Amino acid sequence: MYRVSKRDGVVVDFNVTKISAAIEKAFIACNKCCKGLYPLQKKS
């Protein structure tokens, strides 16, 4: 498995679950603040 260096210098195992949760939270936050600004389909 991969090892990563955190900001504080500690080296830990790469945790794909933690990364995917952070990405999911970012998408949810963007959808809440940008709702309606980037429509997926054109309105007729």
N, C-alpha and C. Protein backbone atom coordinates (compact mmCIF):
# COMPACT_ATOMS: atom_id res chain seq x y z
N MET A 1 0.85 -1.19 0.00
CA MET A 1 0.00 0.00 0.00
C MET A 1 0.88 1.24 0.00
N TYR A 2 0.30 2.34 -0.34
CA TYR A 2 1.04 3.61 -0.39
C TYR A 2 1.15 4.24 0.99
N ARG A 3 2.21 5.00 1.18
CA ARG A 3 2.40 5.77 2.42
C ARG A 3 2.44 7.24 2.01
N VAL A 4 1.88 8.10 2.84
CA VAL A 4 1.85 9.54 2.57
C VAL A 4 2.40 10.30 3.77
N SER A 5 2.95 11.47 3.49
CA SER A 5 3.47 12.33 4.54
C SER A 5 2.44 13.43 4.79
N LYS A 6 1.97 13.51 6.03
CA LYS A 6 0.99 14.53 6.39
C LYS A 6 1.67 15.88 6.60
N ARG A 7 0.90 16.94 6.74
CA ARG A 7 1.45 18.28 6.92
C ARG A 7 2.36 18.40 8.13
N ASP A 8 2.07 17.62 9.17
CA ASP A 8 2.89 17.71 10.37
C ASP A 8 4.13 16.81 10.31
N GLY A 9 4.35 16.16 9.14
CA GLY A 9 5.53 15.35 8.94
C GLY A 9 5.37 13.87 9.26
N VAL A 10 4.25 13.49 9.84
CA VAL A 10 4.00 12.09 10.18
C VAL A 10 3.71 11.31 8.90
N VAL A 11 4.31 10.14 8.75
CA VAL A 11 4.07 9.28 7.59
C VAL A 11 3.05 8.22 7.98
N VAL A 12 1.97 8.13 7.19
CA VAL A 12 0.88 7.19 7.49
C VAL A 12 0.49 6.44 6.23
N ASP A 13 -0.25 5.35 6.40
CA ASP A 13 -0.78 4.61 5.25
C ASP A 13 -1.83 5.46 4.54
N PHE A 14 -1.86 5.38 3.22
CA PHE A 14 -2.87 6.08 2.42
C PHE A 14 -4.23 5.47 2.72
N ASN A 15 -5.21 6.33 3.01
CA ASN A 15 -6.55 5.86 3.36
C ASN A 15 -7.54 6.35 2.30
N VAL A 16 -7.87 5.48 1.35
CA VAL A 16 -8.76 5.86 0.25
C VAL A 16 -10.16 6.23 0.76
N THR A 17 -10.60 5.63 1.84
CA THR A 17 -11.92 5.95 2.40
C THR A 17 -11.97 7.39 2.88
N LYS A 18 -10.90 7.83 3.52
CA LYS A 18 -10.85 9.20 4.03
C LYS A 18 -10.83 10.21 2.88
N ILE A 19 -10.08 9.91 1.83
CA ILE A 19 -10.01 10.79 0.67
C ILE A 19 -11.36 10.86 -0.04
N SER A 20 -11.99 9.71 -0.25
CA SER A 20 -13.27 9.71 -0.95
C SER A 20 -14.35 10.43 -0.15
N ALA A 21 -14.31 10.35 1.17
CA ALA A 21 -15.27 11.07 2.01
C ALA A 21 -15.07 12.58 1.89
N ALA A 22 -13.81 13.01 1.83
CA ALA A 22 -13.52 14.44 1.67
C ALA A 22 -14.00 14.96 0.31
N ILE A 23 -13.80 14.17 -0.74
CA ILE A 23 -14.26 14.57 -2.07
C ILE A 23 -15.78 14.64 -2.11
N GLU A 24 -16.44 13.67 -1.51
CA GLU A 24 -17.90 13.66 -1.46
C GLU A 24 -18.43 14.90 -0.72
N LYS A 25 -17.82 15.25 0.40
CA LYS A 25 -18.24 16.43 1.15
C LYS A 25 -18.05 17.70 0.33
N ALA A 26 -16.97 17.77 -0.46
CA ALA A 26 -16.73 18.94 -1.31
C ALA A 26 -17.80 19.06 -2.39
N PHE A 27 -18.18 17.95 -3.02
CA PHE A 27 -19.23 17.98 -4.02
C PHE A 27 -20.56 18.41 -3.42
N ILE A 28 -20.88 17.90 -2.26
CA ILE A 28 -22.13 18.26 -1.59
C ILE A 28 -22.14 19.74 -1.24
N ALA A 29 -21.02 20.25 -0.71
CA ALA A 29 -20.94 21.66 -0.35
C ALA A 29 -21.07 22.54 -1.58
N CYS A 30 -20.44 22.15 -2.67
CA CYS A 30 -20.52 22.94 -3.90
C CYS A 30 -21.95 22.95 -4.45
N ASN A 31 -22.61 21.82 -4.38
CA ASN A 31 -23.98 21.75 -4.87
C ASN A 31 -24.90 22.66 -4.06
N LYS A 32 -24.66 22.77 -2.76
CA LYS A 32 -25.49 23.62 -1.92
C LYS A 32 -25.27 25.09 -2.22
N CYS A 33 -24.02 25.50 -2.40
CA CYS A 33 -23.73 26.92 -2.57
C CYS A 33 -23.89 27.37 -4.02
N CYS A 34 -23.82 26.45 -4.97
CA CYS A 34 -23.84 26.83 -6.39
C CYS A 34 -25.11 26.36 -7.09
N LYS A 35 -26.09 25.94 -6.33
CA LYS A 35 -27.31 25.38 -6.91
C LYS A 35 -27.96 26.38 -7.86
N GLY A 36 -28.19 25.95 -9.06
CA GLY A 36 -28.83 26.81 -10.06
C GLY A 36 -27.84 27.60 -10.90
N LEU A 37 -26.60 27.70 -10.48
CA LEU A 37 -25.63 28.46 -11.26
C LEU A 37 -25.12 27.67 -12.46
N TYR A 38 -25.06 26.37 -12.33
CA TYR A 38 -24.55 25.51 -13.39
C TYR A 38 -25.56 24.41 -13.69
N PRO A 39 -26.64 24.76 -14.39
CA PRO A 39 -27.66 23.75 -14.67
C PRO A 39 -27.13 22.65 -15.57
N LEU A 40 -27.59 21.43 -15.35
CA LEU A 40 -27.16 20.30 -16.17
C LEU A 40 -27.84 20.31 -17.53
N GLN A 41 -29.04 20.84 -17.59
CA GLN A 41 -29.78 20.89 -18.85
C GLN A 41 -30.30 22.30 -19.06
N LYS A 42 -30.42 22.68 -20.34
CA LYS A 42 -30.99 23.98 -20.65
C LYS A 42 -32.50 23.94 -20.41
N LYS A 43 -33.01 25.03 -19.86
CA LYS A 43 -34.45 25.10 -19.64
C LYS A 43 -35.13 25.53 -20.93
N SER A 44 -36.28 24.96 -21.20
CA SER A 44 -37.02 25.26 -22.44
C SER A 44 -37.80 26.54 -22.30
